[in-house]
Amino acid sequence: MQLGQHLLDRQIVDADGLLVGKVDDIEFAVADDGTVVVDALLTGTGVLGQRIGGVVGRLLIRAADRLRDRQPSAVRIRYPLVERVDSAVRLRVRLDELPPAPLEEYLRRRLIDRIPGSDRASG
């Protein structure tokens, strides 16, 4: 329980300090010796919806399902990629080395890429 309080809703930043998202859920695994360990951190609209529950949670899950387009509804960050946890969860890797966030991918494909000149935007 304390681990959840320590990690949930904490911002995730990459090795360059760029915001990746927030920890919406934690995935656990059982090690060979029987101890329970953190396997991955999950971030994404669908995951947050499952955690919140109720009407708002169902709306978030539905939105995530519509955006999914056969893509995972969450970004799964393996815990070995975590450098340290302080005021934020700091990763060892850069944002471009992680799987893309489903909502950002959807908005890029359906909205941003359709804007004239968007392919020339500076990054």
Protein backbone atom coordinates (compact mmCIF):
# COMPACT_ATOMS: atom_id res chain seq x y z
CA MET A 1 0.00 0.00 0.00
CA GLN A 2 2.77 2.44 0.84
CA LEU A 3 4.45 1.75 -2.51
CA GLY A 4 1.26 2.74 -4.32
CA GLN A 5 1.06 5.97 -2.34
CA HIS A 6 4.72 6.64 -3.11
CA LEU A 7 4.42 6.07 -6.89
CA LEU A 8 0.83 6.69 -8.02
CA ASP A 9 0.21 10.08 -9.65
CA ARG A 10 3.92 10.92 -9.57
CA GLN A 11 5.23 12.51 -12.78
CA ILE A 12 7.46 10.40 -15.00
CA VAL A 13 10.34 12.22 -16.69
CA ASP A 14 12.83 10.87 -19.18
CA ALA A 15 16.64 11.07 -19.03
CA ASP A 16 16.52 14.55 -20.60
CA GLY A 17 13.93 15.83 -18.11
CA LEU A 18 11.01 15.70 -20.57
CA LEU A 19 7.58 14.80 -19.19
CA VAL A 20 6.44 11.30 -20.15
CA GLY A 21 3.20 11.22 -18.14
CA LYS A 22 2.04 10.29 -14.66
CA VAL A 23 2.05 6.90 -12.95
CA ASP A 24 -1.56 5.72 -13.29
CA ASP A 25 -1.02 2.14 -12.12
CA ILE A 26 1.66 -0.32 -11.05
CA GLU A 27 2.14 -3.82 -12.42
CA PHE A 28 3.61 -6.41 -10.07
CA ALA A 29 5.31 -9.75 -10.68
CA VAL A 30 6.43 -12.61 -8.47
CA ALA A 31 10.19 -13.20 -8.45
CA ASP A 32 11.75 -16.66 -8.46
CA ASP A 33 12.17 -16.51 -4.70
CA GLY A 34 8.46 -15.75 -4.22
CA THR A 35 8.78 -12.08 -3.37
CA VAL A 36 6.47 -9.58 -5.07
CA VAL A 37 8.34 -6.95 -7.09
CA VAL A 38 7.36 -3.96 -9.21
CA ASP A 39 7.47 -5.08 -12.85
CA ALA A 40 6.24 -1.98 -14.68
CA LEU A 41 4.67 1.43 -14.33
CA LEU A 42 1.58 2.10 -16.44
CA THR A 43 0.42 5.44 -17.75
CA GLY A 44 -2.52 6.23 -20.01
CA THR A 45 -6.16 7.23 -20.17
CA GLY A 46 -7.55 3.69 -20.05
CA VAL A 47 -5.43 2.73 -17.05
CA LEU A 48 -6.44 5.87 -15.19
CA GLY A 49 -10.09 5.13 -15.96
CA GLN A 50 -9.82 1.65 -14.46
CA ARG A 51 -8.25 3.09 -11.33
CA ILE A 52 -10.81 5.87 -10.88
CA GLY A 53 -13.86 3.72 -11.63
CA GLY A 54 -17.44 5.01 -11.63
CA VAL A 55 -18.93 7.11 -14.40
CA VAL A 56 -15.79 9.17 -15.00
CA GLY A 57 -13.66 6.04 -15.15
CA ARG A 58 -15.98 4.39 -17.67
CA LEU A 59 -15.85 7.52 -19.85
CA LEU A 60 -12.04 7.50 -19.79
CA ILE A 61 -11.96 3.79 -20.66
CA ARG A 62 -14.41 4.32 -23.54
CA ALA A 63 -12.32 7.23 -24.84
CA ALA A 64 -9.17 5.12 -24.63
CA ASP A 65 -10.88 2.27 -26.48
CA ARG A 66 -11.90 4.62 -29.29
CA LEU A 67 -8.40 6.04 -29.57
CA ARG A 68 -6.68 2.71 -29.41
CA ASP A 69 -6.87 1.65 -33.10
CA ARG A 70 -5.49 -1.78 -32.15
CA GLN A 71 -2.73 -0.18 -30.07
CA PRO A 72 -2.27 -0.71 -26.35
CA SER A 73 -4.31 1.70 -24.24
CA ALA A 74 -1.38 2.34 -21.93
CA VAL A 75 2.33 2.95 -22.02
CA ARG A 76 4.06 0.20 -20.06
CA ILE A 77 7.42 1.25 -18.64
CA ARG A 78 9.48 -1.64 -17.30
CA TYR A 79 10.74 -0.85 -13.82
CA PRO A 80 14.43 -1.54 -14.66
CA LEU A 81 14.20 1.62 -16.83
CA VAL A 82 13.69 3.70 -13.67
CA GLU A 83 16.83 5.50 -12.56
CA ARG A 84 15.42 6.84 -9.28
CA VAL A 85 12.27 8.02 -7.56
CA ASP A 86 12.28 11.39 -5.82
CA SER A 87 9.79 14.19 -6.49
CA ALA A 88 9.29 12.46 -9.85
CA VAL A 89 10.00 9.04 -11.36
CA ARG A 90 13.19 9.59 -13.34
CA LEU A 91 13.99 7.22 -16.21
CA ARG A 92 17.32 6.01 -17.59
CA VAL A 93 16.04 6.33 -21.18
CA ARG A 94 14.88 9.15 -23.44
CA LEU A 95 11.25 9.69 -24.38
CA ASP A 96 11.81 8.60 -27.99
CA GLU A 97 13.03 5.20 -26.72
CA LEU A 98 9.64 4.50 -25.10
CA PRO A 99 6.49 3.34 -26.88
CA PRO A 100 4.35 6.29 -27.98
CA ALA A 101 1.40 7.34 -25.82
CA PRO A 102 -1.84 6.21 -27.53
CA LEU A 103 -3.60 9.58 -27.13
CA GLU A 104 -0.64 11.47 -28.57
CA GLU A 105 -0.38 9.03 -31.47
CA TYR A 106 -4.09 9.38 -32.21
CA LEU A 107 -3.98 13.18 -32.10
CA ARG A 108 -0.90 13.26 -34.31
CA ARG A 109 -2.47 10.94 -36.93
CA ARG A 110 -5.98 12.41 -36.88
CA LEU A 111 -5.32 16.08 -36.21
CA ILE A 112 -1.74 17.39 -36.25
CA ASP A 113 -0.62 15.59 -39.44
CA ARG A 114 -3.61 17.14 -41.30
CA ILE A 115 -2.54 20.71 -40.53
CA PRO A 116 -0.84 22.23 -43.58
CA GLY A 117 2.87 22.70 -42.88
CA SER A 118 2.90 20.44 -39.81
CA ASP A 119 5.65 18.35 -41.38
CA ARG A 120 7.91 21.41 -41.26
CA ALA A 121 7.33 22.19 -37.58
CA SER A 122 10.46 22.59 -35.52
CA GLY A 123 10.94 20.02 -32.77
